[in-house]
PDB file of N, CA and C in Angstrom:
ATOM      1  N   MET A   1       0.840  -1.190   0.000  1.00  0.00           N
ATOM      2  CA  MET A   1       0.000   0.000   0.000  1.00  0.00           C
ATOM      3  C   MET A   1       0.883   1.251   0.000  1.00  0.00           C
ATOM      4  N   ALA A   2       0.394   2.278  -0.620  1.00  0.00           N
ATOM      5  CA  ALA A   2       1.148   3.531  -0.680  1.00  0.00           C
ATOM      6  C   ALA A   2       1.280   4.140   0.714  1.00  0.00           C
ATOM      7  N   ALA A   3       2.224   5.040   0.852  1.00  0.00           N
ATOM      8  CA  ALA A   3       2.409   5.729   2.131  1.00  0.00           C
ATOM      9  C   ALA A   3       1.116   6.438   2.522  1.00  0.00           C
ATOM     10  N   GLU A   4       0.869   6.485   3.816  1.00  0.00           N
ATOM     11  CA  GLU A   4      -0.314   7.163   4.325  1.00  0.00           C
ATOM     12  C   GLU A   4      -1.613   6.574   3.781  1.00  0.00           C
ATOM     13  N   GLN A   5      -1.602   5.270   3.593  1.00  0.00           N
ATOM     14  CA  GLN A   5      -2.860   4.607   3.256  1.00  0.00           C
ATOM     15  C   GLN A   5      -3.169   3.598   4.337  1.00  0.00           C
ATOM     16  N   VAL A   6      -4.448   3.398   4.573  1.00  0.00           N
ATOM     17  CA  VAL A   6      -4.908   2.388   5.516  1.00  0.00           C
ATOM     18  C   VAL A   6      -5.930   1.527   4.784  1.00  0.00           C
ATOM     19  N   ARG A   7      -6.248   0.408   5.386  1.00  0.00           N
ATOM     20  CA  ARG A   7      -7.339  -0.416   4.871  1.00  0.00           C
ATOM     21  C   ARG A   7      -8.248  -0.694   6.052  1.00  0.00           C
ATOM     22  N   ALA A   8      -9.534  -0.633   5.824  1.00  0.00           N
ATOM     23  CA  ALA A   8     -10.458  -0.804   6.935  1.00  0.00           C
ATOM     24  C   ALA A   8     -11.773  -1.415   6.468  1.00  0.00           C
ATOM     25  N   SER A   9     -12.452  -2.001   7.441  1.00  0.00           N
ATOM     26  CA  SER A   9     -13.826  -2.447   7.271  1.00  0.00           C
ATOM     27  C   SER A   9     -14.656  -1.676   8.284  1.00  0.00           C
ATOM     28  N   HIS A  10     -15.947  -1.557   8.009  1.00  0.00           N
ATOM     29  CA  HIS A  10     -16.789  -0.868   8.995  1.00  0.00           C
ATOM     30  C   HIS A  10     -18.193  -1.435   8.980  1.00  0.00           C
ATOM     31  N   ILE A  11     -18.904  -1.109  10.047  1.00  0.00           N
ATOM     32  CA  ILE A  11     -20.335  -1.369  10.128  1.00  0.00           C
ATOM     33  C   ILE A  11     -20.970   0.002  10.338  1.00  0.00           C
ATOM     34  N   LEU A  12     -21.953   0.310   9.520  1.00  0.00           N
ATOM     35  CA  LEU A  12     -22.651   1.591   9.574  1.00  0.00           C
ATOM     36  C   LEU A  12     -24.108   1.355   9.950  1.00  0.00           C
ATOM     37  N   ILE A  13     -24.566   2.073  10.948  1.00  0.00           N
ATOM     38  CA  ILE A  13     -25.995   2.094  11.265  1.00  0.00           C
ATOM     39  C   ILE A  13     -26.480   3.514  11.002  1.00  0.00           C
ATOM     40  N   LYS A  14     -27.385   3.635  10.039  1.00  0.00           N
ATOM     41  CA  LYS A  14     -27.935   4.948   9.708  1.00  0.00           C
ATOM     42  C   LYS A  14     -29.078   5.283  10.663  1.00  0.00           C
ATOM     43  N   HIS A  15     -29.380   6.575  10.768  1.00  0.00           N
ATOM     44  CA  HIS A  15     -30.485   7.026  11.609  1.00  0.00           C
ATOM     45  C   HIS A  15     -31.151   8.217  10.935  1.00  0.00           C
ATOM     46  N   LYS A  16     -32.197   8.724  11.564  1.00  0.00           N
ATOM     47  CA  LYS A  16     -32.971   9.774  10.898  1.00  0.00           C
ATOM     48  C   LYS A  16     -32.189  11.059  10.665  1.00  0.00           C
ATOM     49  N   GLY A  17     -31.045  11.225  11.337  1.00  0.00           N
ATOM     50  CA  GLY A  17     -30.195  12.379  11.093  1.00  0.00           C
ATOM     51  C   GLY A  17     -29.170  12.152   9.995  1.00  0.00           C
ATOM     52  N   SER A  18     -29.125  10.948   9.427  1.00  0.00           N
ATOM     53  CA  SER A  18     -28.151  10.632   8.378  1.00  0.00           C
ATOM     54  C   SER A  18     -28.473  11.401   7.103  1.00  0.00           C
ATOM     55  N   ARG A  19     -27.433  11.688   6.318  1.00  0.00           N
ATOM     56  CA  ARG A  19     -27.665  12.507   5.114  1.00  0.00           C
ATOM     57  C   ARG A  19     -28.466  11.750   4.049  1.00  0.00           C
ATOM     58  N   ARG A  20     -28.320  10.433   3.982  1.00  0.00           N
ATOM     59  CA  ARG A  20     -29.158   9.631   3.068  1.00  0.00           C
ATOM     60  C   ARG A  20     -29.902   8.608   3.907  1.00  0.00           C
ATOM     61  N   ARG A  21     -31.221   8.745   3.955  1.00  0.00           N
ATOM     62  CA  ARG A  21     -32.013   7.858   4.795  1.00  0.00           C
ATOM     63  C   ARG A  21     -32.559   6.666   4.014  1.00  0.00           C
ATOM     64  N   ALA A  22     -31.647   5.991   3.319  1.00  0.00           N
ATOM     65  CA  ALA A  22     -32.007   4.766   2.613  1.00  0.00           C
ATOM     66  C   ALA A  22     -30.745   3.926   2.532  1.00  0.00           C
ATOM     67  N   SER A  23     -30.910   2.620   2.384  1.00  0.00           N
ATOM     68  CA  SER A  23     -29.748   1.749   2.235  1.00  0.00           C
ATOM     69  C   SER A  23     -30.162   0.516   1.462  1.00  0.00           C
ATOM     70  N   TRP A  24     -29.182  -0.339   1.159  1.00  0.00           N
ATOM     71  CA  TRP A  24     -29.465  -1.563   0.409  1.00  0.00           C
ATOM     72  C   TRP A  24     -30.480  -2.429   1.148  1.00  0.00           C
ATOM     73  N   LYS A  25     -30.490  -2.396   2.483  1.00  0.00           N
ATOM     74  CA  LYS A  25     -31.422  -3.253   3.212  1.00  0.00           C
ATOM     75  C   LYS A  25     -32.697  -2.523   3.617  1.00  0.00           C
ATOM     76  N   ASP A  26     -32.736  -1.229   3.382  1.00  0.00           N
ATOM     77  CA  ASP A  26     -33.909  -0.411   3.720  1.00  0.00           C
ATOM     78  C   ASP A  26     -34.095   0.634   2.629  1.00  0.00           C
ATOM     79  N   PRO A  27     -34.400   0.184   1.384  1.00  0.00           N
ATOM     80  CA  PRO A  27     -34.432   1.105   0.243  1.00  0.00           C
ATOM     81  C   PRO A  27     -35.449   2.240   0.396  1.00  0.00           C
ATOM     82  N   GLU A  28     -36.534   2.006   1.102  1.00  0.00           N
ATOM     83  CA  GLU A  28     -37.538   3.050   1.316  1.00  0.00           C
ATOM     84  C   GLU A  28     -37.163   3.957   2.486  1.00  0.00           C
ATOM     85  N   GLY A  29     -36.200   3.521   3.294  1.00  0.00           N
ATOM     86  CA  GLY A  29     -35.765   4.312   4.436  1.00  0.00           C
ATOM     87  C   GLY A  29     -36.738   4.306   5.601  1.00  0.00           C
ATOM     88  N   ARG A  30     -37.640   3.324   5.636  1.00  0.00           N
ATOM     89  CA  ARG A  30     -38.650   3.296   6.709  1.00  0.00           C
ATOM     90  C   ARG A  30     -38.023   3.058   8.077  1.00  0.00           C
ATOM     91  N   VAL A  31     -37.140   2.066   8.166  1.00  0.00           N
ATOM     92  CA  VAL A  31     -36.493   1.757   9.446  1.00  0.00           C
ATOM     93  C   VAL A  31     -35.555   2.885   9.838  1.00  0.00           C
ATOM     94  N   ILE A  32     -34.757   3.347   8.867  1.00  0.00           N
ATOM     95  CA  ILE A  32     -33.782   4.408   9.142  1.00  0.00           C
ATOM     96  C   ILE A  32     -34.483   5.674   9.634  1.00  0.00           C
ATOM     97  N   SER A  33     -35.593   6.047   9.009  1.00  0.00           N
ATOM     98  CA  SER A  33     -36.306   7.270   9.384  1.00  0.00           C
ATOM     99  C   SER A  33     -36.907   7.184  10.784  1.00  0.00           C
ATOM    100  N   ALA A  34     -37.088   5.965  11.284  1.00  0.00           N
ATOM    101  CA  ALA A  34     -37.651   5.768  12.626  1.00  0.00           C
ATOM    102  C   ALA A  34     -36.564   5.525  13.671  1.00  0.00           C
ATOM    103  N   THR A  35     -35.300   5.509  13.240  1.00  0.00           N
ATOM    104  CA  THR A  35     -34.190   5.219  14.143  1.00  0.00           C
ATOM    105  C   THR A  35     -33.562   6.516  14.636  1.00  0.00           C
ATOM    106  N   THR A  36     -33.475   6.669  15.963  1.00  0.00           N
ATOM    107  CA  THR A  36     -32.793   7.844  16.515  1.00  0.00           C
ATOM    108  C   THR A  36     -31.294   7.562  16.536  1.00  0.00           C
ATOM    109  N   ARG A  37     -30.502   8.615  16.716  1.00  0.00           N
ATOM    110  CA  ARG A  37     -29.060   8.434  16.841  1.00  0.00           C
ATOM    111  C   ARG A  37     -28.759   7.550  18.034  1.00  0.00           C
ATOM    112  N   GLU A  38     -29.492   7.731  19.127  1.00  0.00           N
ATOM    113  CA  GLU A  38     -29.285   6.920  20.336  1.00  0.00           C
ATOM    114  C   GLU A  38     -29.543   5.446  20.046  1.00  0.00           C
ATOM    115  N   ASP A  39     -30.603   5.166  19.282  1.00  0.00           N
ATOM    116  CA  ASP A  39     -30.897   3.770  18.889  1.00  0.00           C
ATOM    117  C   ASP A  39     -29.739   3.202  18.079  1.00  0.00           C
ATOM    118  N   ALA A  40     -29.227   4.005  17.156  1.00  0.00           N
ATOM    119  CA  ALA A  40     -28.124   3.558  16.299  1.00  0.00           C
ATOM    120  C   ALA A  40     -26.882   3.260  17.135  1.00  0.00           C
ATOM    121  N   VAL A  41     -26.580   4.134  18.087  1.00  0.00           N
ATOM    122  CA  VAL A  41     -25.419   3.926  18.960  1.00  0.00           C
ATOM    123  C   VAL A  41     -25.603   2.655  19.775  1.00  0.00           C
ATOM    124  N   ARG A  42     -26.796   2.473  20.335  1.00  0.00           N
ATOM    125  CA  ARG A  42     -27.074   1.259  21.119  1.00  0.00           C
ATOM    126  C   ARG A  42     -26.858   0.008  20.279  1.00  0.00           C
ATOM    127  N   GLN A  43     -27.381   0.034  19.053  1.00  0.00           N
ATOM    128  CA  GLN A  43     -27.261  -1.112  18.155  1.00  0.00           C
ATOM    129  C   GLN A  43     -25.791  -1.385  17.809  1.00  0.00           C
ATOM    130  N   ILE A  44     -25.053  -0.340  17.485  1.00  0.00           N
ATOM    131  CA  ILE A  44     -23.653  -0.524  17.081  1.00  0.00           C
ATOM    132  C   ILE A  44     -22.809  -0.996  18.260  1.00  0.00           C
ATOM    133  N   LEU A  45     -23.097  -0.510  19.465  1.00  0.00           N
ATOM    134  CA  LEU A  45     -22.343  -0.963  20.645  1.00  0.00           C
ATOM    135  C   LEU A  45     -22.632  -2.429  20.955  1.00  0.00           C
ATOM    136  N   ALA A  46     -23.860  -2.868  20.728  1.00  0.00           N
ATOM    137  CA  ALA A  46     -24.209  -4.279  20.934  1.00  0.00           C
ATOM    138  C   ALA A  46     -23.449  -5.154  19.937  1.00  0.00           C
ATOM    139  N   LEU A  47     -23.341  -4.705  18.687  1.00  0.00           N
ATOM    140  CA  LEU A  47     -22.591  -5.454  17.674  1.00  0.00           C
ATOM    141  C   LEU A  47     -21.113  -5.493  18.045  1.00  0.00           C
ATOM    142  N   ARG A  48     -20.574  -4.356  18.483  1.00  0.00           N
ATOM    143  CA  ARG A  48     -19.163  -4.276  18.867  1.00  0.00           C
ATOM    144  C   ARG A  48     -18.877  -5.263  20.003  1.00  0.00           C
ATOM    145  N   GLU A  49     -19.785  -5.326  20.969  1.00  0.00           N
ATOM    146  CA  GLU A  49     -19.632  -6.231  22.109  1.00  0.00           C
ATOM    147  C   GLU A  49     -19.564  -7.685  21.636  1.00  0.00           C
ATOM    148  N   GLU A  50     -20.427  -8.052  20.684  1.00  0.00           N
ATOM    149  CA  GLU A  50     -20.419  -9.423  20.149  1.00  0.00           C
ATOM    150  C   GLU A  50     -19.079  -9.743  19.487  1.00  0.00           C
ATOM    151  N   ILE A  51     -18.498  -8.760  18.823  1.00  0.00           N
ATOM    152  CA  ILE A  51     -17.219  -8.967  18.127  1.00  0.00           C
ATOM    153  C   ILE A  51     -16.080  -9.091  19.132  1.00  0.00           C
ATOM    154  N   VAL A  52     -15.978  -8.141  20.062  1.00  0.00           N
ATOM    155  CA  VAL A  52     -14.833  -8.151  20.980  1.00  0.00           C
ATOM    156  C   VAL A  52     -14.887  -9.311  21.971  1.00  0.00           C
ATOM    157  N   THR A  53     -16.072  -9.842  22.242  1.00  0.00           N
ATOM    158  CA  THR A  53     -16.168 -10.995  23.141  1.00  0.00           C
ATOM    159  C   THR A  53     -16.060 -12.314  22.378  1.00  0.00           C
ATOM    160  N   GLY A  54     -15.899 -12.231  21.053  1.00  0.00           N
ATOM    161  CA  GLY A  54     -15.708 -13.435  20.253  1.00  0.00           C
ATOM    162  C   GLY A  54     -16.981 -14.191  19.921  1.00  0.00           C
ATOM    163  N   LYS A  55     -18.145 -13.600  20.194  1.00  0.00           N
ATOM    164  CA  LYS A  55     -19.412 -14.283  19.891  1.00  0.00           C
ATOM    165  C   LYS A  55     -19.730 -14.263  18.399  1.00  0.00           C
ATOM    166  N   ALA A  56     -19.175 -13.283  17.694  1.00  0.00           N
ATOM    167  CA  ALA A  56     -19.458 -13.153  16.264  1.00  0.00           C
ATOM    168  C   ALA A  56     -18.260 -12.533  15.575  1.00  0.00           C
ATOM    169  N   ARG A  57     -18.180 -12.785  14.260  1.00  0.00           N
ATOM    170  CA  ARG A  57     -17.089 -12.202  13.466  1.00  0.00           C
ATOM    171  C   ARG A  57     -17.544 -10.882  12.865  1.00  0.00           C
ATOM    172  N   PHE A  58     -16.618  -9.944  12.800  1.00  0.00           N
ATOM    173  CA  PHE A  58     -16.900  -8.614  12.252  1.00  0.00           C
ATOM    174  C   PHE A  58     -17.566  -8.728  10.881  1.00  0.00           C
ATOM    175  N   GLU A  59     -16.963  -9.530   9.992  1.00  0.00           N
ATOM    176  CA  GLU A  59     -17.457  -9.641   8.609  1.00  0.00           C
ATOM    177  C   GLU A  59     -18.899 -10.125   8.576  1.00  0.00           C
ATOM    178  N   ASP A  60     -19.220 -11.095   9.446  1.00  0.00           N
ATOM    179  CA  ASP A  60     -20.571 -11.657   9.442  1.00  0.00           C
ATOM    180  C   ASP A  60     -21.606 -10.630   9.892  1.00  0.00           C
ATOM    181  N   LEU A  61     -21.273  -9.866  10.938  1.00  0.00           N
ATOM    182  CA  LEU A  61     -22.206  -8.845  11.413  1.00  0.00           C
ATOM    183  C   LEU A  61     -22.325  -7.711  10.412  1.00  0.00           C
ATOM    184  N   ALA A  62     -21.210  -7.349   9.785  1.00  0.00           N
ATOM    185  CA  ALA A  62     -21.260  -6.302   8.759  1.00  0.00           C
ATOM    186  C   ALA A  62     -22.185  -6.718   7.619  1.00  0.00           C
ATOM    187  N   ALA A  63     -22.051  -7.958   7.185  1.00  0.00           N
ATOM    188  CA  ALA A  63     -22.863  -8.454   6.070  1.00  0.00           C
ATOM    189  C   ALA A  63     -24.356  -8.437   6.410  1.00  0.00           C
ATOM    190  N   ARG A  64     -24.676  -8.662   7.681  1.00  0.00           N
ATOM    191  CA  ARG A  64     -26.089  -8.715   8.076  1.00  0.00           C
ATOM    192  C   ARG A  64     -26.669  -7.367   8.475  1.00  0.00           C
ATOM    193  N   PHE A  65     -25.872  -6.520   9.129  1.00  0.00           N
ATOM    194  CA  PHE A  65     -26.452  -5.344   9.766  1.00  0.00           C
ATOM    195  C   PHE A  65     -26.025  -3.997   9.205  1.00  0.00           C
ATOM    196  N   SER A  66     -24.901  -3.931   8.477  1.00  0.00           N
ATOM    197  CA  SER A  66     -24.418  -2.628   8.026  1.00  0.00           C
ATOM    198  C   SER A  66     -25.327  -2.028   6.964  1.00  0.00           C
ATOM    199  N   ASP A  67     -25.554  -0.712   7.073  1.00  0.00           N
ATOM    200  CA  ASP A  67     -26.354   0.003   6.085  1.00  0.00           C
ATOM    201  C   ASP A  67     -25.522   0.439   4.881  1.00  0.00           C
ATOM    202  N   CYS A  68     -24.223   0.153   4.892  1.00  0.00           N
ATOM    203  CA  CYS A  68     -23.357   0.523   3.779  1.00  0.00           C
ATOM    204  C   CYS A  68     -23.333  -0.609   2.742  1.00  0.00           C
ATOM    205  N   ASN A  69     -23.167  -0.246   1.472  1.00  0.00           N
ATOM    206  CA  ASN A  69     -23.057  -1.271   0.423  1.00  0.00           C
ATOM    207  C   ASN A  69     -21.854  -2.177   0.629  1.00  0.00           C
ATOM    208  N   SER A  70     -20.868  -1.726   1.417  1.00  0.00           N
ATOM    209  CA  SER A  70     -19.704  -2.568   1.701  1.00  0.00           C
ATOM    210  C   SER A  70     -20.091  -3.819   2.488  1.00  0.00           C
ATOM    211  N   ALA A  71     -21.315  -3.872   2.994  1.00  0.00           N
ATOM    212  CA  ALA A  71     -21.793  -5.066   3.713  1.00  0.00           C
ATOM    213  C   ALA A  71     -21.615  -6.312   2.848  1.00  0.00           C
ATOM    214  N   LYS A  72     -21.789  -6.153   1.547  1.00  0.00           N
ATOM    215  CA  LYS A  72     -21.664  -7.290   0.627  1.00  0.00           C
ATOM    216  C   LYS A  72     -20.239  -7.841   0.608  1.00  0.00           C
ATOM    217  N   ARG A  73     -19.277  -7.039   1.087  1.00  0.00           N
ATOM    218  CA  ARG A  73     -17.869  -7.475   1.188  1.00  0.00           C
ATOM    219  C   ARG A  73     -17.455  -7.619   2.649  1.00  0.00           C
ATOM    220  N   GLY A  74     -18.410  -7.865   3.521  1.00  0.00           N
ATOM    221  CA  GLY A  74     -18.110  -8.006   4.937  1.00  0.00           C
ATOM    222  C   GLY A  74     -17.660  -6.707   5.570  1.00  0.00           C
ATOM    223  N   GLY A  75     -18.049  -5.595   4.968  1.00  0.00           N
ATOM    224  CA  GLY A  75     -17.700  -4.275   5.492  1.00  0.00           C
ATOM    225  C   GLY A  75     -16.411  -3.695   4.937  1.00  0.00           C
ATOM    226  N   ASP A  76     -15.711  -4.458   4.094  1.00  0.00           N
ATOM    227  CA  ASP A  76     -14.392  -4.022   3.592  1.00  0.00           C
ATOM    228  C   ASP A  76     -14.520  -2.809   2.676  1.00  0.00           C
ATOM    229  N   LEU A  77     -13.789  -1.747   3.020  1.00  0.00           N
ATOM    230  CA  LEU A  77     -13.769  -0.527   2.206  1.00  0.00           C
ATOM    231  C   LEU A  77     -12.550  -0.469   1.297  1.00  0.00           C
ATOM    232  N   GLY A  78     -11.628  -1.429   1.467  1.00  0.00           N
ATOM    233  CA  GLY A  78     -10.400  -1.400   0.685  1.00  0.00           C
ATOM    234  C   GLY A  78      -9.465  -0.321   1.215  1.00  0.00           C
ATOM    235  N   PRO A  79      -8.325  -0.125   0.532  1.00  0.00           N
ATOM    236  CA  PRO A  79      -7.362   0.878   0.982  1.00  0.00           C
ATOM    237  C   PRO A  79      -7.822   2.295   0.641  1.00  0.00           C
ATOM    238  N   PHE A  80      -7.488   3.236   1.507  1.00  0.00           N
ATOM    239  CA  PHE A  80      -7.768   4.637   1.211  1.00  0.00           C
ATOM    240  C   PHE A  80      -6.751   5.523   1.920  1.00  0.00           C
ATOM    241  N   GLY A  81      -6.595   6.703   1.370  1.00  0.00           N
ATOM    242  CA  GLY A  81      -5.653   7.671   1.936  1.00  0.00           C
ATOM    243  C   GLY A  81      -6.377   8.815   2.601  1.00  0.00           C
ATOM    244  N   ARG A  82      -5.607   9.771   3.056  1.00  0.00           N
ATOM    245  CA  ARG A  82      -6.207  10.943   3.698  1.00  0.00           C
ATOM    246  C   ARG A  82      -6.989  11.767   2.670  1.00  0.00           C
ATOM    247  N   GLY A  83      -8.088  12.343   3.124  1.00  0.00           N
ATOM    248  CA  GLY A  83      -8.903  13.184   2.248  1.00  0.00           C
ATOM    249  C   GLY A  83      -9.932  12.429   1.435  1.00  0.00           C
ATOM    250  N   GLN A  84     -10.015  11.104   1.601  1.00  0.00           N
ATOM    251  CA  GLN A  84     -10.965  10.315   0.808  1.00  0.00           C
ATOM    252  C   GLN A  84     -12.240   9.958   1.563  1.00  0.00           C
ATOM    253  N   MET A  85     -12.195  10.044   2.886  1.00  0.00           N
ATOM    254  CA  MET A  85     -13.352   9.707   3.708  1.00  0.00           C
ATOM    255  C   MET A  85     -13.760  10.947   4.499  1.00  0.00           C
ATOM    256  N   GLN A  86     -14.944  10.889   5.107  1.00  0.00           N
ATOM    257  CA  GLN A  86     -15.338  11.986   5.984  1.00  0.00           C
ATOM    258  C   GLN A  86     -14.318  12.091   7.118  1.00  0.00           C
ATOM    259  N   LYS A  87     -14.021  13.321   7.520  1.00  0.00           N
ATOM    260  CA  LYS A  87     -12.937  13.590   8.467  1.00  0.00           C
ATOM    261  C   LYS A  87     -12.982  12.742   9.749  1.00  0.00           C
ATOM    262  N   PRO A  88     -14.124  12.649  10.440  1.00  0.00           N
ATOM    263  CA  PRO A  88     -14.123  11.858  11.680  1.00  0.00           C
ATOM    264  C   PRO A  88     -13.791  10.390  11.420  1.00  0.00           C
ATOM    265  N   PHE A  89     -14.255   9.861  10.283  1.00  0.00           N
ATOM    266  CA  PHE A  89     -13.995   8.466   9.919  1.00  0.00           C
ATOM    267  C   PHE A  89     -12.508   8.285   9.636  1.00  0.00           C
ATOM    268  N   GLU A  90     -11.962   9.194   8.840  1.00  0.00           N
ATOM    269  CA  GLU A  90     -10.537   9.138   8.496  1.00  0.00           C
ATOM    270  C   GLU A  90      -9.666   9.205   9.752  1.00  0.00           C
ATOM    271  N   GLU A  91      -9.951  10.172  10.617  1.00  0.00           N
ATOM    272  CA  GLU A  91      -9.134  10.344  11.819  1.00  0.00           C
ATOM    273  C   GLU A  91      -9.187   9.116  12.714  1.00  0.00           C
ATOM    274  N   ALA A  92     -10.371   8.553  12.882  1.00  0.00           N
ATOM    275  CA  ALA A  92     -10.519   7.361  13.726  1.00  0.00           C
ATOM    276  C   ALA A  92      -9.754   6.184  13.132  1.00  0.00           C
ATOM    277  N   THR A  93      -9.839   6.010  11.816  1.00  0.00           N
ATOM    278  CA  THR A  93      -9.174   4.875  11.167  1.00  0.00           C
ATOM    279  C   THR A  93      -7.662   4.984  11.271  1.00  0.00           C
ATOM    280  N   PHE A  94      -7.124   6.167  10.981  1.00  0.00           N
ATOM    281  CA  PHE A  94      -5.671   6.347  11.040  1.00  0.00           C
ATOM    282  C   PHE A  94      -5.132   6.208  12.468  1.00  0.00           C
ATOM    283  N   ALA A  95      -5.981   6.436  13.473  1.00  0.00           N
ATOM    284  CA  ALA A  95      -5.554   6.333  14.874  1.00  0.00           C
ATOM    285  C   ALA A  95      -5.530   4.888  15.380  1.00  0.00           C
ATOM    286  N   LEU A  96      -6.192   3.989  14.657  1.00  0.00           N
ATOM    287  CA  LEU A  96      -6.259   2.586  15.090  1.00  0.00           C
ATOM    288  C   LEU A  96      -4.994   1.825  14.709  1.00  0.00           C
ATOM    289  N   GLU A  97      -4.675   0.817  15.492  1.00  0.00           N
ATOM    290  CA  GLU A  97      -3.649  -0.162  15.110  1.00  0.00           C
ATOM    291  C   GLU A  97      -4.333  -1.196  14.211  1.00  0.00           C
ATOM    292  N   VAL A  98      -3.568  -1.877  13.380  1.00  0.00           N
ATOM    293  CA  VAL A  98      -4.127  -2.951  12.556  1.00  0.00           C
ATOM    294  C   VAL A  98      -4.729  -4.008  13.487  1.00  0.00           C
ATOM    295  N   GLY A  99      -5.964  -4.406  13.197  1.00  0.00           N
ATOM    296  CA  GLY A  99      -6.653  -5.402  14.018  1.00  0.00           C
ATOM    297  C   GLY A  99      -7.483  -4.813  15.141  1.00  0.00           C
ATOM    298  N   GLU A 100      -7.371  -3.498  15.336  1.00  0.00           N
ATOM    299  CA  GLU A 100      -8.103  -2.826  16.416  1.00  0.00           C
ATOM    300  C   GLU A 100      -9.462  -2.335  15.921  1.00  0.00           C
ATOM    301  N   ILE A 101     -10.442  -2.351  16.821  1.00  0.00           N
ATOM    302  CA  ILE A 101     -11.794  -1.878  16.501  1.00  0.00           C
ATOM    303  C   ILE A 101     -12.040  -0.569  17.238  1.00  0.00           C
ATOM    304  N   SER A 102     -12.613   0.388  16.527  1.00  0.00           N
ATOM    305  CA  SER A 102     -12.889   1.702  17.116  1.00  0.00           C
ATOM    306  C   SER A 102     -14.065   1.652  18.074  1.00  0.00           C
ATOM    307  N   ASP A 103     -14.181   2.717  18.851  1.00  0.00           N
ATOM    308  CA  ASP A 103     -15.430   2.992  19.542  1.00  0.00           C
ATOM    309  C   ASP A 103     -16.374   3.560  18.490  1.00  0.00           C
ATOM    310  N   THR A 104     -17.527   4.027  18.891  1.00  0.00           N
ATOM    311  CA  THR A 104     -18.461   4.576  17.914  1.00  0.00           C
ATOM    312  C   THR A 104     -17.860   5.831  17.271  1.00  0.00           C
ATOM    313  N   VAL A 105     -18.114   5.973  15.989  1.00  0.00           N
ATOM    314  CA  VAL A 105     -17.648   7.132  15.224  1.00  0.00           C
ATOM    315  C   VAL A 105     -18.866   7.713  14.508  1.00  0.00           C
ATOM    316  N   ASP A 106     -19.126   8.998  14.753  1.00  0.00           N
ATOM    317  CA  ASP A 106     -20.253   9.677  14.115  1.00  0.00           C
ATOM    318  C   ASP A 106     -19.799  10.405  12.870  1.00  0.00           C
ATOM    319  N   THR A 107     -20.530  10.213  11.759  1.00  0.00           N
ATOM    320  CA  THR A 107     -20.310  11.009  10.547  1.00  0.00           C
ATOM    321  C   THR A 107     -21.684  11.438  10.023  1.00  0.00           C
ATOM    322  N   ASP A 108     -21.682  12.177   8.933  1.00  0.00           N
ATOM    323  CA  ASP A 108     -22.941  12.566   8.300  1.00  0.00           C
ATOM    324  C   ASP A 108     -23.708  11.351   7.796  1.00  0.00           C
ATOM    325  N   SER A 109     -23.012  10.229   7.631  1.00  0.00           N
ATOM    326  CA  SER A 109     -23.664   9.021   7.131  1.00  0.00           C
ATOM    327  C   SER A 109     -24.402   8.248   8.225  1.00  0.00           C
ATOM    328  N   GLY A 110     -23.944   8.386   9.470  1.00  0.00           N
ATOM    329  CA  GLY A 110     -24.547   7.639  10.570  1.00  0.00           C
ATOM    330  C   GLY A 110     -23.495   7.299  11.607  1.00  0.00           C
ATOM    331  N   VAL A 111     -23.723   6.202  12.323  1.00  0.00           N
ATOM    332  CA  VAL A 111     -22.815   5.770  13.386  1.00  0.00           C
ATOM    333  C   VAL A 111     -22.067   4.524  12.907  1.00  0.00           C
ATOM    334  N   HIS A 112     -20.747   4.515  13.096  1.00  0.00           N
ATOM    335  CA  HIS A 112     -19.903   3.425  12.610  1.00  0.00           C
ATOM    336  C   HIS A 112     -19.108   2.801  13.753  1.00  0.00           C
ATOM    337  N   ILE A 113     -18.689   1.548  13.530  1.00  0.00           N
ATOM    338  CA  ILE A 113     -17.503   1.011  14.190  1.00  0.00           C
ATOM    339  C   ILE A 113     -16.576   0.609  13.054  1.00  0.00           C
ATOM    340  N   ILE A 114     -15.292   0.799  13.288  1.00  0.00           N
ATOM    341  CA  ILE A 114     -14.293   0.596  12.238  1.00  0.00           C
ATOM    342  C   ILE A 114     -13.284  -0.431  12.712  1.00  0.00           C
ATOM    343  N   LEU A 115     -12.950  -1.362  11.827  1.00  0.00           N
ATOM    344  CA  LEU A 115     -11.892  -2.341  12.070  1.00  0.00           C
ATOM    345  C   LEU A 115     -10.776  -2.037  11.085  1.00  0.00           C
ATOM    346  N   ARG A 116      -9.617  -1.652  11.617  1.00  0.00           N
ATOM    347  CA  ARG A 116      -8.488  -1.392  10.713  1.00  0.00           C
ATOM    348  C   ARG A 116      -7.874  -2.736  10.329  1.00  0.00           C
ATOM    349  N   THR A 117      -7.764  -2.959   9.031  1.00  0.00           N
ATOM    350  CA  THR A 117      -7.279  -4.252   8.528  1.00  0.00           C
ATOM    351  C   THR A 117      -5.917  -4.140   7.843  1.00  0.00           C
ATOM    352  N   GLY A 118      -5.443  -2.931   7.626  1.00  0.00           N
ATOM    353  CA  GLY A 118      -4.141  -2.786   6.986  1.00  0.00           C
ATOM    354  C   GLY A 118      -3.643  -1.365   7.021  1.00  0.00           C
TER     355      GLY A 118
END
């Protein structure tokens, strides 16, 4: 990978404050429009707990629950450099060690947890 590039996977839970209130699993945005940010945080923290306690694999939960199209790849976003993602997402990813999972990260897209993979 080029200098200053990272690779990461994420799980995104959208909520009614998200800039796009639709996703591959909720094309009409009905669930997303009824989800508060607090609900999204609660949901993402529950998923994070399952991953860190070894009850579930990140990729499997991403494929089932993430509102991002990357769910089809187990949450994998591939490599990216600075300036390519929303600032809070970028900063959180670059701060992680490889193999580390972030706490909740808020962006205009919704609430994320990020797994740095490279």
